[in-house]
Amino acid sequence: MAKIIDFHDRSQRTTDNLIISKPWEFRKACWKNRHFIQILKAHAVGLERSLKKAGHKGGTCVHHPPTHFTLKGGTGYTMKAMYALKDNEREMREAYYLTGLMDCMINQVNPVLRTDILRAMYKKVFSMKEKLNVHWYGPIDHLLLPIDSVFFDTNAYKTSLMNANSLKRLYHEIRKGTEEMFDILSVEYVFYFPNARG
């Protein structure tokens, strides 16, 4: 019977806040926050260690997370889409590629997009949005998630988009860049789910 029933003192256990570990790591936040929070994994490890210690000592949570990015506005909608697709890596990657396409139309300068070719990109974007059920609302500023410069050279990525001389090349550079970003976000960051109650 002892192998089936756990006789350990349940009050000594801490609740695991892990939602899913791959492809991206999502955790429940125990502090009050209205938006997704993006934290470096190196910092999140220390945070999780502190939470476990606090749990063993009768404490409940930290009052403030370590250095982080608060994902709101455009990045907030991107994060909601990624969370909704968290169980399907292929669709997550497609959604992040779609995010790159949207970001390119809104925030990048490219001579190719000053021609009637832009219509083809709009068609592609709207088709992908419907297929993946991904949408952004309200004023849209930044859509791609922030990545510390030690991991990704954003300026080199923007330059590669600016220098793309055909739509095919532009799609290729966006795909290449968003794939690299996706992998970095998977390896280097943890995402904490909003918690209105704290």
N, C-alpha and C. Protein backbone atom coordinates (compact mmCIF):
# COMPACT_ATOMS: atom_id res chain seq x y z
N MET A 1 0.80 -1.20 0.00
CA MET A 1 0.00 0.00 0.00
C MET A 1 0.85 1.27 0.00
N ALA A 2 1.97 1.22 0.68
CA ALA A 2 2.80 2.42 0.79
C ALA A 2 3.29 2.89 -0.57
N LYS A 3 3.37 1.98 -1.54
CA LYS A 3 3.82 2.36 -2.87
C LYS A 3 2.73 3.11 -3.64
N ILE A 4 1.49 2.90 -3.24
CA ILE A 4 0.37 3.53 -3.95
C ILE A 4 -0.03 4.83 -3.28
N ILE A 5 -0.12 4.81 -1.98
CA ILE A 5 -0.55 6.01 -1.24
C ILE A 5 0.67 6.75 -0.72
N ASP A 6 0.70 8.03 -0.97
CA ASP A 6 1.81 8.87 -0.51
C ASP A 6 1.53 9.34 0.90
N PHE A 7 2.35 8.86 1.86
CA PHE A 7 2.13 9.20 3.27
C PHE A 7 2.92 10.42 3.72
N HIS A 8 3.64 11.06 2.81
CA HIS A 8 4.43 12.23 3.20
C HIS A 8 3.52 13.37 3.63
N ASP A 9 4.04 14.22 4.48
CA ASP A 9 3.28 15.37 4.96
C ASP A 9 3.02 16.33 3.80
N ARG A 10 1.78 16.49 3.43
CA ARG A 10 1.44 17.34 2.27
C ARG A 10 1.74 18.80 2.52
N SER A 11 1.78 19.24 3.76
CA SER A 11 2.05 20.66 4.05
C SER A 11 3.49 21.04 3.72
N GLN A 12 4.37 20.05 3.59
CA GLN A 12 5.77 20.33 3.27
C GLN A 12 6.01 20.47 1.76
N ARG A 13 5.00 20.16 0.97
CA ARG A 13 5.18 20.24 -0.48
C ARG A 13 4.94 21.64 -0.99
N THR A 14 5.65 21.99 -2.05
CA THR A 14 5.36 23.25 -2.72
C THR A 14 4.64 22.92 -4.02
N THR A 15 3.77 23.78 -4.44
CA THR A 15 3.05 23.56 -5.68
C THR A 15 3.96 23.90 -6.84
N ASP A 16 4.07 22.98 -7.78
CA ASP A 16 4.89 23.24 -8.95
C ASP A 16 4.12 24.17 -9.87
N ASN A 17 4.73 25.28 -10.23
CA ASN A 17 4.04 26.27 -11.06
C ASN A 17 4.32 26.09 -12.55
N LEU A 18 4.97 25.00 -12.93
CA LEU A 18 5.28 24.75 -14.34
C LEU A 18 4.01 24.38 -15.10
N ILE A 19 3.75 25.09 -16.19
CA ILE A 19 2.61 24.78 -17.05
C ILE A 19 3.08 23.83 -18.15
N ILE A 20 4.16 24.21 -18.82
CA ILE A 20 4.74 23.39 -19.88
C ILE A 20 6.20 23.81 -20.04
N SER A 21 7.07 22.85 -20.34
CA SER A 21 8.50 23.18 -20.42
C SER A 21 9.01 23.32 -21.85
N LYS A 22 8.31 22.74 -22.82
CA LYS A 22 8.75 22.82 -24.21
C LYS A 22 7.56 22.98 -25.11
N PRO A 23 7.68 23.63 -26.25
CA PRO A 23 8.90 24.23 -26.80
C PRO A 23 9.35 25.48 -26.04
N TRP A 24 8.41 26.22 -25.47
CA TRP A 24 8.77 27.34 -24.61
C TRP A 24 8.34 27.00 -23.19
N GLU A 25 9.05 27.53 -22.22
CA GLU A 25 8.70 27.25 -20.82
C GLU A 25 7.71 28.30 -20.31
N PHE A 26 6.54 27.81 -19.92
CA PHE A 26 5.51 28.67 -19.33
C PHE A 26 5.31 28.27 -17.87
N ARG A 27 5.22 29.26 -17.00
CA ARG A 27 4.98 29.03 -15.58
C ARG A 27 3.88 29.96 -15.09
N LYS A 28 3.24 29.55 -14.01
CA LYS A 28 2.25 30.41 -13.35
C LYS A 28 3.00 31.37 -12.44
N ALA A 29 2.65 32.62 -12.48
CA ALA A 29 3.26 33.61 -11.58
C ALA A 29 2.49 33.60 -10.27
N CYS A 30 3.20 33.77 -9.16
CA CYS A 30 2.50 33.84 -7.87
C CYS A 30 2.37 35.29 -7.40
N TRP A 31 3.01 36.22 -8.12
CA TRP A 31 2.88 37.62 -7.78
C TRP A 31 1.80 38.24 -8.68
N LYS A 32 1.29 39.37 -8.28
CA LYS A 32 0.23 40.02 -9.04
C LYS A 32 0.79 40.66 -10.30
N ASN A 33 0.25 40.28 -11.44
CA ASN A 33 0.64 40.89 -12.71
C ASN A 33 -0.49 40.72 -13.73
N ARG A 34 -0.71 41.74 -14.52
CA ARG A 34 -1.79 41.72 -15.51
C ARG A 34 -1.32 41.25 -16.88
N HIS A 35 -0.01 41.15 -17.08
CA HIS A 35 0.54 40.81 -18.39
C HIS A 35 1.49 39.62 -18.27
N PHE A 36 1.77 38.99 -19.40
CA PHE A 36 2.82 37.98 -19.41
C PHE A 36 4.14 38.66 -19.06
N ILE A 37 4.99 37.94 -18.37
CA ILE A 37 6.32 38.43 -17.99
C ILE A 37 7.35 37.51 -18.63
N GLN A 38 8.37 38.07 -19.24
CA GLN A 38 9.44 37.31 -19.88
C GLN A 38 10.72 37.52 -19.06
N ILE A 39 11.27 36.41 -18.54
CA ILE A 39 12.45 36.47 -17.68
C ILE A 39 13.53 35.55 -18.22
N LEU A 40 14.76 35.99 -18.14
CA LEU A 40 15.88 35.13 -18.53
C LEU A 40 15.84 33.86 -17.69
N LYS A 41 16.11 32.72 -18.31
CA LYS A 41 16.08 31.45 -17.58
C LYS A 41 17.06 31.46 -16.42
N ALA A 42 18.21 32.09 -16.61
CA ALA A 42 19.21 32.16 -15.53
C ALA A 42 18.62 32.84 -14.30
N HIS A 43 17.82 33.88 -14.51
CA HIS A 43 17.17 34.58 -13.39
C HIS A 43 15.99 33.78 -12.85
N ALA A 44 15.27 33.12 -13.74
CA ALA A 44 14.09 32.33 -13.34
C ALA A 44 14.49 31.16 -12.44
N VAL A 45 15.66 30.57 -12.68
CA VAL A 45 16.13 29.47 -11.84
C VAL A 45 16.29 29.94 -10.41
N GLY A 46 16.91 31.11 -10.22
CA GLY A 46 17.05 31.69 -8.88
C GLY A 46 15.70 32.02 -8.27
N LEU A 47 14.79 32.55 -9.08
CA LEU A 47 13.46 32.89 -8.61
C LEU A 47 12.72 31.64 -8.14
N GLU A 48 12.78 30.57 -8.94
CA GLU A 48 12.11 29.33 -8.58
C GLU A 48 12.70 28.73 -7.30
N ARG A 49 14.00 28.85 -7.15
CA ARG A 49 14.68 28.36 -5.93
C ARG A 49 14.15 29.14 -4.72
N SER A 50 14.04 30.46 -4.85
CA SER A 50 13.51 31.29 -3.77
C SER A 50 12.07 30.93 -3.44
N LEU A 51 11.27 30.66 -4.48
CA LEU A 51 9.87 30.30 -4.26
C LEU A 51 9.76 28.99 -3.49
N LYS A 52 10.61 28.03 -3.85
CA LYS A 52 10.58 26.73 -3.15
C LYS A 52 10.98 26.91 -1.69
N LYS A 53 12.03 27.72 -1.44
CA LYS A 53 12.45 27.97 -0.05
C LYS A 53 11.32 28.65 0.72
N ALA A 54 10.70 29.64 0.11
CA ALA A 54 9.60 30.36 0.77
C ALA A 54 8.45 29.40 1.07
N GLY A 55 8.20 28.46 0.17
CA GLY A 55 7.14 27.47 0.38
C GLY A 55 7.44 26.59 1.57
N HIS A 56 8.70 26.20 1.73
CA HIS A 56 9.09 25.34 2.85
C HIS A 56 9.07 26.10 4.18
N LYS A 57 9.23 27.41 4.13
CA LYS A 57 9.25 28.21 5.36
C LYS A 57 7.89 28.82 5.66
N GLY A 58 6.89 28.42 4.90
CA GLY A 58 5.55 28.94 5.15
C GLY A 58 5.23 30.21 4.38
N GLY A 59 6.19 30.73 3.62
CA GLY A 59 5.95 31.92 2.81
C GLY A 59 5.18 31.55 1.56
N THR A 60 4.75 32.53 0.83
CA THR A 60 3.97 32.23 -0.36
C THR A 60 4.63 32.67 -1.65
N CYS A 61 5.24 33.83 -1.67
CA CYS A 61 5.72 34.32 -2.95
C CYS A 61 6.69 35.47 -2.78
N VAL A 62 7.27 35.87 -3.90
CA VAL A 62 8.09 37.08 -3.93
C VAL A 62 7.17 38.25 -4.24
N HIS A 63 7.56 39.43 -3.85
CA HIS A 63 6.72 40.59 -4.15
C HIS A 63 6.98 41.14 -5.55
N HIS A 64 8.23 41.02 -5.99
CA HIS A 64 8.60 41.52 -7.31
C HIS A 64 9.50 40.51 -8.00
N PRO A 65 9.24 40.23 -9.27
CA PRO A 65 10.11 39.32 -10.01
C PRO A 65 11.44 40.00 -10.32
N PRO A 66 12.47 39.22 -10.68
CA PRO A 66 13.74 39.83 -11.07
C PRO A 66 13.59 40.61 -12.38
N THR A 67 14.67 41.19 -12.86
CA THR A 67 14.65 41.95 -14.11
C THR A 67 13.90 41.16 -15.18
N HIS A 68 12.98 41.84 -15.87
CA HIS A 68 12.12 41.14 -16.82
C HIS A 68 11.58 42.11 -17.87
N PHE A 69 10.92 41.52 -18.87
CA PHE A 69 10.17 42.29 -19.86
C PHE A 69 8.69 42.06 -19.56
N THR A 70 7.92 43.13 -19.51
CA THR A 70 6.47 43.01 -19.39
C THR A 70 5.91 43.06 -20.80
N LEU A 71 5.17 42.03 -21.17
CA LEU A 71 4.66 41.92 -22.54
C LEU A 71 3.24 42.46 -22.61
N LYS A 72 3.12 43.67 -23.16
CA LYS A 72 1.79 44.27 -23.32
C LYS A 72 1.74 44.95 -24.68
N GLY A 73 0.57 45.41 -25.06
CA GLY A 73 0.43 45.99 -26.40
C GLY A 73 0.59 44.88 -27.44
N GLY A 74 1.33 45.17 -28.48
CA GLY A 74 1.55 44.20 -29.56
C GLY A 74 2.21 42.92 -29.08
N THR A 75 3.23 43.04 -28.23
CA THR A 75 3.91 41.84 -27.73
C THR A 75 2.98 41.02 -26.82
N GLY A 76 2.05 41.69 -26.16
CA GLY A 76 1.08 40.98 -25.33
C GLY A 76 0.19 40.08 -26.17
N TYR A 77 -0.29 40.60 -27.31
CA TYR A 77 -1.12 39.77 -28.22
C TYR A 77 -0.30 38.65 -28.83
N THR A 78 0.97 38.93 -29.16
CA THR A 78 1.84 37.88 -29.68
C THR A 78 1.96 36.77 -28.64
N MET A 79 2.18 37.15 -27.38
CA MET A 79 2.36 36.17 -26.32
C MET A 79 1.10 35.35 -26.10
N LYS A 80 -0.06 35.99 -26.16
CA LYS A 80 -1.33 35.26 -26.00
C LYS A 80 -1.49 34.21 -27.10
N ALA A 81 -1.11 34.57 -28.33
CA ALA A 81 -1.19 33.62 -29.44
C ALA A 81 -0.23 32.45 -29.23
N MET A 82 0.99 32.75 -28.78
CA MET A 82 1.97 31.70 -28.56
C MET A 82 1.52 30.77 -27.44
N TYR A 83 0.93 31.34 -26.40
CA TYR A 83 0.44 30.52 -25.29
C TYR A 83 -0.71 29.61 -25.76
N ALA A 84 -1.60 30.16 -26.57
CA ALA A 84 -2.74 29.37 -27.06
C ALA A 84 -2.27 28.18 -27.90
N LEU A 85 -1.12 28.32 -28.55
CA LEU A 85 -0.59 27.26 -29.43
C LEU A 85 0.51 26.44 -28.74
N LYS A 86 0.69 26.60 -27.45
CA LYS A 86 1.83 26.03 -26.72
C LYS A 86 2.00 24.52 -26.86
N ASP A 87 0.94 23.81 -27.19
CA ASP A 87 1.02 22.36 -27.31
C ASP A 87 1.41 21.88 -28.71
N ASN A 88 1.64 22.83 -29.63
CA ASN A 88 1.94 22.45 -31.01
C ASN A 88 3.11 23.31 -31.51
N GLU A 89 4.32 22.78 -31.45
CA GLU A 89 5.50 23.55 -31.82
C GLU A 89 5.45 24.04 -33.27
N ARG A 90 4.99 23.19 -34.18
CA ARG A 90 4.95 23.59 -35.59
C ARG A 90 4.06 24.83 -35.77
N GLU A 91 2.90 24.83 -35.13
CA GLU A 91 2.00 25.98 -35.24
C GLU A 91 2.56 27.20 -34.52
N MET A 92 3.25 26.97 -33.41
CA MET A 92 3.91 28.10 -32.72
C MET A 92 4.93 28.76 -33.63
N ARG A 93 5.72 27.94 -34.31
CA ARG A 93 6.74 28.49 -35.22
C ARG A 93 6.09 29.25 -36.36
N GLU A 94 4.99 28.71 -36.89
CA GLU A 94 4.27 29.41 -37.96
C GLU A 94 3.71 30.74 -37.46
N ALA A 95 3.19 30.73 -36.24
CA ALA A 95 2.63 31.96 -35.67
C ALA A 95 3.74 32.99 -35.45
N TYR A 96 4.94 32.52 -35.08
CA TYR A 96 6.02 33.48 -34.88
C TYR A 96 6.53 34.02 -36.22
N TYR A 97 6.50 33.17 -37.25
CA TYR A 97 6.82 33.64 -38.60
C TYR A 97 5.78 34.69 -39.04
N LEU A 98 4.50 34.41 -38.78
CA LEU A 98 3.44 35.38 -39.07
C LEU A 98 3.71 36.69 -38.33
N THR A 99 4.16 36.60 -37.08
CA THR A 99 4.50 37.80 -36.31
C THR A 99 5.61 38.58 -37.01
N GLY A 100 6.60 37.86 -37.53
CA GLY A 100 7.68 38.51 -38.28
C GLY A 100 7.17 39.21 -39.53
N LEU A 101 6.24 38.56 -40.24
CA LEU A 101 5.65 39.18 -41.44
C LEU A 101 4.89 40.46 -41.07
N MET A 102 4.08 40.37 -40.02
CA MET A 102 3.31 41.55 -39.56
C MET A 102 4.27 42.67 -39.15
N ASP A 103 5.28 42.31 -38.38
CA ASP A 103 6.25 43.31 -37.92
C ASP A 103 6.94 43.98 -39.11
N CYS A 104 7.25 43.19 -40.13
CA CYS A 104 7.91 43.74 -41.33
C CYS A 104 7.00 44.77 -42.01
N MET A 105 5.72 44.46 -42.13
CA MET A 105 4.79 45.39 -42.79
C MET A 105 4.61 46.67 -41.98
N ILE A 106 4.71 46.57 -40.65
CA ILE A 106 4.46 47.73 -39.79
C ILE A 106 5.71 48.54 -39.50
N ASN A 107 6.81 47.85 -39.20
CA ASN A 107 7.98 48.53 -38.64
C ASN A 107 9.24 48.56 -39.51
N GLN A 108 9.26 47.87 -40.64
CA GLN A 108 10.49 47.79 -41.42
C GLN A 108 10.38 48.60 -42.71
N VAL A 109 11.52 49.04 -43.17
CA VAL A 109 11.59 49.76 -44.45
C VAL A 109 12.19 48.82 -45.47
N ASN A 110 11.46 48.58 -46.55
CA ASN A 110 11.97 47.74 -47.63
C ASN A 110 11.41 48.24 -48.95
N PRO A 111 12.29 48.49 -49.92
CA PRO A 111 11.83 49.01 -51.22
C PRO A 111 10.82 48.10 -51.92
N VAL A 112 10.95 46.79 -51.74
CA VAL A 112 10.03 45.84 -52.38
C VAL A 112 8.60 46.09 -51.92
N LEU A 113 8.44 46.45 -50.64
CA LEU A 113 7.09 46.64 -50.11
C LEU A 113 6.48 47.99 -50.50
N ARG A 114 7.22 48.77 -51.25
CA ARG A 114 6.66 50.03 -51.75
C ARG A 114 6.02 49.85 -53.12
N THR A 115 5.97 48.61 -53.58
CA THR A 115 5.38 48.31 -54.89
C THR A 115 4.06 47.57 -54.67
N ASP A 116 3.45 47.16 -55.77
CA ASP A 116 2.18 46.43 -55.65
C ASP A 116 2.37 45.02 -55.11
N ILE A 117 3.62 44.61 -54.91
CA ILE A 117 3.91 43.30 -54.29
C ILE A 117 3.39 43.26 -52.86
N LEU A 118 3.26 44.42 -52.25
CA LEU A 118 2.75 44.50 -50.87
C LEU A 118 1.41 43.78 -50.74
N ARG A 119 0.59 43.84 -51.82
CA ARG A 119 -0.72 43.19 -51.80
C ARG A 119 -0.57 41.68 -51.58
N ALA A 120 0.44 41.07 -52.18
CA ALA A 120 0.69 39.63 -52.02
C ALA A 120 1.04 39.30 -50.58
N MET A 121 1.79 40.18 -49.95
CA MET A 121 2.16 39.95 -48.55
C MET A 121 0.93 40.07 -47.65
N TYR A 122 0.08 41.07 -47.90
CA TYR A 122 -1.14 41.23 -47.13
C TYR A 122 -2.02 39.98 -47.23
N LYS A 123 -2.14 39.44 -48.46
CA LYS A 123 -2.95 38.23 -48.66
C LYS A 123 -2.39 37.07 -47.83
N LYS A 124 -1.08 36.92 -47.87
CA LYS A 124 -0.42 35.84 -47.13
C LYS A 124 -0.67 36.01 -45.63
N VAL A 125 -0.50 37.22 -45.13
CA VAL A 125 -0.68 37.49 -43.70
C VAL A 125 -2.11 37.21 -43.27
N PHE A 126 -3.09 37.70 -44.02
CA PHE A 126 -4.48 37.50 -43.62
C PHE A 126 -4.89 36.03 -43.70
N SER A 127 -4.35 35.32 -44.67
CA SER A 127 -4.62 33.89 -44.79
C SER A 127 -4.04 33.14 -43.58
N MET A 128 -2.81 33.47 -43.19
CA MET A 128 -2.18 32.81 -42.04
C MET A 128 -2.89 33.16 -40.73
N LYS A 129 -3.33 34.41 -40.60
CA LYS A 129 -4.05 34.84 -39.39
C LYS A 129 -5.32 34.01 -39.20
N GLU A 130 -6.04 33.79 -40.28
CA GLU A 130 -7.27 33.00 -40.20
C GLU A 130 -6.96 31.54 -39.90
N LYS A 131 -5.98 31.00 -40.57
CA LYS A 131 -5.63 29.58 -40.40
C LYS A 131 -5.17 29.29 -38.97
N LEU A 132 -4.34 30.17 -38.40
CA LEU A 132 -3.79 29.96 -37.06
C LEU A 132 -4.66 30.57 -35.96
N ASN A 133 -5.67 31.34 -36.35
CA ASN A 133 -6.54 32.05 -35.41
C ASN A 133 -5.71 32.97 -34.49
N VAL A 134 -4.84 33.76 -35.12
CA VAL A 134 -3.98 34.70 -34.40
C VAL A 134 -4.38 36.11 -34.82
N HIS A 135 -4.60 36.97 -33.83
CA HIS A 135 -5.04 38.33 -34.13
C HIS A 135 -4.39 39.33 -33.17
N TRP A 136 -4.18 40.53 -33.65
CA TRP A 136 -3.70 41.64 -32.84
C TRP A 136 -4.77 42.72 -32.91
N TYR A 137 -4.99 43.42 -31.79
CA TYR A 137 -6.04 44.45 -31.75
C TYR A 137 -5.48 45.77 -31.25
N GLY A 138 -6.22 46.83 -31.56
CA GLY A 138 -5.84 48.15 -31.07
C GLY A 138 -4.58 48.65 -31.75
N PRO A 139 -3.98 49.69 -31.18
CA PRO A 139 -2.73 50.20 -31.76
C PRO A 139 -1.64 49.15 -31.64
N ILE A 140 -0.98 48.89 -32.74
CA ILE A 140 0.06 47.86 -32.75
C ILE A 140 1.41 48.54 -32.90
N ASP A 141 2.29 48.28 -31.97
CA ASP A 141 3.64 48.83 -32.06
C ASP A 141 4.62 47.69 -32.33
N HIS A 142 5.25 47.20 -31.32
CA HIS A 142 6.20 46.09 -31.49
C HIS A 142 5.47 44.77 -31.33
N LEU A 143 5.76 43.85 -32.24
CA LEU A 143 5.10 42.55 -32.21
C LEU A 143 6.05 41.43 -31.83
N LEU A 144 7.30 41.52 -32.30
CA LEU A 144 8.29 40.50 -31.98
C LEU A 144 8.70 40.64 -30.52
N LEU A 145 8.88 39.53 -29.85
CA LEU A 145 9.23 39.56 -28.43
C LEU A 145 10.65 40.08 -28.24
N PRO A 146 10.90 40.76 -27.12
CA PRO A 146 12.24 41.31 -26.88
C PRO A 146 13.25 40.20 -26.63
N ILE A 147 14.45 40.40 -27.14
CA ILE A 147 15.55 39.46 -26.91
C ILE A 147 16.78 40.29 -26.58
N ASP A 148 17.46 39.93 -25.50
CA ASP A 148 18.67 40.65 -25.11
C ASP A 148 19.70 40.57 -26.24
N SER A 149 20.43 41.67 -26.43
CA SER A 149 21.37 41.78 -27.57
C SER A 149 22.52 40.78 -27.52
N VAL A 150 22.80 40.20 -26.36
CA VAL A 150 23.87 39.18 -26.30
C VAL A 150 23.45 37.91 -27.03
N PHE A 151 22.15 37.72 -27.23
CA PHE A 151 21.66 36.50 -27.88
C PHE A 151 21.29 36.71 -29.35
N PHE A 152 20.86 37.94 -29.71
CA PHE A 152 20.38 38.16 -31.07
C PHE A 152 20.68 39.58 -31.49
N ASP A 153 21.20 39.72 -32.72
CA ASP A 153 21.54 41.03 -33.27
C ASP A 153 20.35 41.56 -34.08
N THR A 154 19.52 42.35 -33.43
CA THR A 154 18.32 42.89 -34.06
C THR A 154 18.66 43.79 -35.24
N ASN A 155 19.74 44.56 -35.12
CA ASN A 155 20.12 45.45 -36.22
C ASN A 155 20.51 44.67 -37.47
N ALA A 156 21.22 43.57 -37.30
CA ALA A 156 21.60 42.73 -38.46
C ALA A 156 20.34 42.14 -39.10
N TYR A 157 19.37 41.75 -38.28
CA TYR A 157 18.11 41.22 -38.80
C TYR A 157 17.38 42.28 -39.62
N LYS A 158 17.26 43.49 -39.07
CA LYS A 158 16.59 44.58 -39.78
C LYS A 158 17.30 44.92 -41.09
N THR A 159 18.62 44.90 -41.07
CA THR A 159 19.40 45.17 -42.28
C THR A 159 19.15 44.12 -43.34
N SER A 160 19.06 42.84 -42.92
CA SER A 160 18.80 41.76 -43.89
C SER A 160 17.43 41.94 -44.55
N LEU A 161 16.46 42.46 -43.80
CA LEU A 161 15.14 42.71 -44.38
C LEU A 161 15.17 43.91 -45.33
N MET A 162 15.90 44.93 -44.93
CA MET A 162 15.99 46.14 -45.74
C MET A 162 16.69 45.87 -47.08
N ASN A 163 17.65 44.92 -47.04
CA ASN A 163 18.42 44.63 -48.25
C ASN A 163 17.82 43.55 -49.14
N ALA A 164 16.74 42.93 -48.71
CA ALA A 164 16.09 41.90 -49.52
C ALA A 164 15.54 42.54 -50.78
N ASN A 165 15.94 42.01 -51.96
CA ASN A 165 15.57 42.66 -53.23
C ASN A 165 14.41 41.98 -53.95
N SER A 166 13.79 41.00 -53.30
CA SER A 166 12.60 40.36 -53.87
C SER A 166 11.72 39.88 -52.72
N LEU A 167 10.46 39.63 -53.03
CA LEU A 167 9.55 39.15 -52.00
C LEU A 167 9.99 37.78 -51.49
N LYS A 168 10.47 36.94 -52.39
CA LYS A 168 10.95 35.61 -52.01
C LYS A 168 12.10 35.73 -51.02
N ARG A 169 13.02 36.64 -51.30
CA ARG A 169 14.17 36.85 -50.42
C ARG A 169 13.71 37.42 -49.07
N LEU A 170 12.75 38.32 -49.10
CA LEU A 170 12.23 38.91 -47.88
C LEU A 170 11.59 37.83 -47.00
N TYR A 171 10.76 36.96 -47.62
CA TYR A 171 10.16 35.86 -46.87
C TYR A 171 11.23 34.97 -46.26
N HIS A 172 12.27 34.69 -47.04
CA HIS A 172 13.37 33.84 -46.57
C HIS A 172 14.05 34.46 -45.34
N GLU A 173 14.35 35.75 -45.40
CA GLU A 173 15.04 36.42 -44.29
C GLU A 173 14.16 36.48 -43.04
N ILE A 174 12.86 36.70 -43.24
CA ILE A 174 11.94 36.73 -42.09
C ILE A 174 11.86 35.34 -41.47
N ARG A 175 11.74 34.32 -42.31
CA ARG A 175 11.68 32.93 -41.81
C ARG A 175 12.95 32.59 -41.03
N LYS A 176 14.09 32.90 -41.63
CA LYS A 176 15.38 32.60 -40.99
C LYS A 176 15.50 33.33 -39.65
N GLY A 177 15.15 34.60 -39.64
CA GLY A 177 15.26 35.40 -38.42
C GLY A 177 14.30 34.94 -37.33
N THR A 178 13.04 34.68 -37.71
CA THR A 178 12.07 34.28 -36.69
C THR A 178 12.35 32.87 -36.16
N GLU A 179 12.90 32.00 -36.99
CA GLU A 179 13.30 30.66 -36.51
C GLU A 179 14.41 30.79 -35.46
N GLU A 180 15.39 31.65 -35.76
CA GLU A 180 16.48 31.86 -34.81
C GLU A 180 15.95 32.47 -33.51
N MET A 181 15.07 33.47 -33.63
CA MET A 181 14.48 34.08 -32.44
C MET A 181 13.69 33.05 -31.64
N PHE A 182 12.90 32.23 -32.32
CA PHE A 182 12.09 31.21 -31.65
C PHE A 182 12.98 30.29 -30.81
N ASP A 183 14.08 29.84 -31.40
CA ASP A 183 15.00 28.94 -30.68
C ASP A 183 15.65 29.63 -29.49
N ILE A 184 16.02 30.89 -29.64
CA ILE A 184 16.61 31.64 -28.52
C ILE A 184 15.59 31.81 -27.41
N LEU A 185 14.37 32.15 -27.75
CA LEU A 185 13.30 32.32 -26.75
C LEU A 185 13.04 31.01 -26.02
N SER A 186 13.19 29.91 -26.72
CA SER A 186 13.00 28.59 -26.13
C SER A 186 14.09 28.24 -25.13
N VAL A 187 15.32 28.57 -25.47
CA VAL A 187 16.48 28.19 -24.65
C VAL A 187 16.76 29.18 -23.53
N GLU A 188 16.57 30.47 -23.77
CA GLU A 188 17.06 31.50 -22.85
C GLU A 188 16.01 32.16 -21.95
N TYR A 189 14.71 31.91 -22.19
CA TYR A 189 13.68 32.65 -21.45
C TYR A 189 12.61 31.74 -20.85
N VAL A 190 11.97 32.25 -19.81
CA VAL A 190 10.80 31.64 -19.20
C VAL A 190 9.68 32.68 -19.25
N PHE A 191 8.47 32.24 -19.52
CA PHE A 191 7.33 33.13 -19.62
C PHE A 191 6.36 32.83 -18.48
N TYR A 192 6.04 33.87 -17.72
CA TYR A 192 5.14 33.72 -16.58
C TYR A 192 3.75 34.22 -16.97
N PHE A 193 2.78 33.37 -16.70
CA PHE A 193 1.38 33.63 -17.03
C PHE A 193 0.81 34.73 -16.13
N PRO A 194 -0.04 35.61 -16.67
CA PRO A 194 -0.63 36.67 -15.82
C PRO A 194 -1.38 36.10 -14.62
N ASN A 195 -1.36 36.85 -13.53
CA ASN A 195 -2.05 36.43 -12.32
C ASN A 195 -2.69 37.68 -11.70
N ALA A 196 -3.98 37.81 -11.85
CA ALA A 196 -4.67 39.02 -11.38
C ALA A 196 -4.75 39.08 -9.86
N ARG A 197 -4.71 37.93 -9.20
CA ARG A 197 -4.88 37.90 -7.75
C ARG A 197 -3.57 38.01 -6.97
N GLY A 198 -2.51 37.46 -7.53
CA GLY A 198 -1.21 37.53 -6.85
C GLY A 198 -1.06 36.60 -5.70
